[in-house]
Amino acid sequence: MTPRDDFDPLAPQREAAFFYGLFLRGHPLDSLRQDIDVPRPVVTRWANARDYQGVFRSDLDRIYEYRKRVLAIFDGLVSSDNVSLSLQ
């Protein structure tokens, strides 16, 4: 996520589309989800670190929310792809 992404409402969709393209090229679904998501141990470390306060803490929160948004969009693309494949 770059500073520009704060001002670009389509940034999460673009990133999800990038990962969806990788999925369509045969990359494993679980591997892509792991690449997009923030692992639970990292979130726990962020929550417990005393030096992650103030502005830095809010930046971490924004990163977490952004990654979750990208993951949700990606999952929506994959699930809609699976529905269209089963209809054919």
Protein backbone atom coordinates (compact mmCIF):
# COMPACT_ATOMS: atom_id res chain seq x y z
CA MET A 1 0.00 0.00 0.00
CA THR A 2 1.39 3.36 -1.00
CA PRO A 3 0.41 6.82 0.25
CA ARG A 4 -1.42 7.31 -3.04
CA ASP A 5 -3.73 4.38 -2.19
CA ASP A 6 -5.36 6.50 0.52
CA PHE A 7 -6.71 8.71 -2.25
CA ASP A 8 -7.44 6.00 -4.81
CA PRO A 9 -10.71 4.23 -4.00
CA LEU A 10 -10.03 1.62 -6.69
CA ALA A 11 -6.65 0.52 -5.29
CA PRO A 12 -8.06 -2.51 -3.41
CA GLN A 13 -9.96 -3.62 -6.52
CA ARG A 14 -6.84 -3.31 -8.65
CA GLU A 15 -4.76 -5.30 -6.21
CA ALA A 16 -7.45 -7.98 -5.90
CA ALA A 17 -7.64 -8.15 -9.71
CA PHE A 18 -3.86 -8.63 -9.83
CA PHE A 19 -4.09 -11.62 -7.46
CA TYR A 20 -7.11 -12.93 -9.37
CA GLY A 21 -5.02 -12.87 -12.53
CA LEU A 22 -2.40 -14.97 -10.76
CA PHE A 23 -5.16 -17.37 -9.70
CA LEU A 24 -6.35 -17.68 -13.30
CA ARG A 25 -2.77 -18.50 -14.32
CA GLY A 26 -2.72 -21.47 -11.95
CA HIS A 27 -1.27 -20.13 -8.70
CA PRO A 28 -2.68 -22.02 -5.68
CA LEU A 29 -5.69 -20.32 -4.09
CA ASP A 30 -4.52 -20.84 -0.49
CA SER A 31 -1.08 -19.47 -1.29
CA LEU A 32 -2.59 -16.32 -2.80
CA ARG A 33 -4.89 -15.84 0.20
CA GLN A 34 -1.88 -16.09 2.50
CA ASP A 35 -0.01 -13.53 0.41
CA ILE A 36 -2.92 -11.09 0.64
CA ASP A 37 -3.88 -11.56 4.29
CA VAL A 38 -2.07 -10.43 7.43
CA PRO A 39 -1.21 -13.58 9.43
CA ARG A 40 -2.66 -13.90 12.93
CA PRO A 41 0.82 -14.02 14.60
CA VAL A 42 1.69 -10.68 12.97
CA VAL A 43 -1.56 -9.11 14.18
CA THR A 44 -0.88 -10.42 17.68
CA ARG A 45 2.66 -9.02 17.61
CA TRP A 46 1.30 -5.64 16.46
CA ALA A 47 -1.27 -5.63 19.24
CA ASN A 48 1.25 -6.50 21.98
CA ALA A 49 4.12 -4.25 20.95
CA ARG A 50 4.50 -1.25 23.24
CA ASP A 51 6.43 0.79 20.69
CA TYR A 52 3.61 0.50 18.12
CA GLN A 53 1.57 3.42 19.42
CA GLY A 54 0.19 6.68 18.12
CA VAL A 55 0.39 7.40 14.42
CA PHE A 56 2.24 4.16 13.72
CA ARG A 57 -0.55 2.17 15.38
CA SER A 58 -3.16 3.89 13.21
CA ASP A 59 -1.06 3.13 10.12
CA LEU A 60 -0.97 -0.55 11.11
CA ASP A 61 -4.75 -0.51 11.57
CA ARG A 62 -5.18 1.00 8.10
CA ILE A 63 -2.88 -1.63 6.60
CA TYR A 64 -4.85 -4.39 8.29
CA GLU A 65 -8.19 -3.05 7.05
CA TYR A 66 -6.81 -2.55 3.54
CA ARG A 67 -5.48 -6.13 3.36
CA LYS A 68 -8.82 -7.50 4.60
CA ARG A 69 -10.66 -5.44 1.97
CA VAL A 70 -8.40 -6.77 -0.80
CA LEU A 71 -8.92 -10.32 0.48
CA ALA A 72 -12.71 -9.91 0.53
CA ILE A 73 -12.71 -8.59 -3.04
CA PHE A 74 -10.42 -11.41 -4.16
CA ASP A 75 -12.64 -14.02 -2.49
CA GLY A 76 -15.65 -12.47 -4.24
CA LEU A 77 -13.92 -12.74 -7.61
CA VAL A 78 -12.95 -16.35 -6.99
CA SER A 79 -16.40 -17.36 -5.75
CA SER A 80 -18.13 -15.66 -8.71
CA ASP A 81 -15.70 -17.50 -11.00
CA ASN A 82 -16.63 -20.81 -9.37
CA VAL A 83 -20.34 -20.08 -9.76
CA SER A 84 -19.97 -19.25 -13.45
CA LEU A 85 -17.92 -22.41 -14.03
CA SER A 86 -20.57 -24.60 -12.38
CA LEU A 87 -23.31 -23.01 -14.50
CA GLN A 88 -21.55 -23.86 -17.76
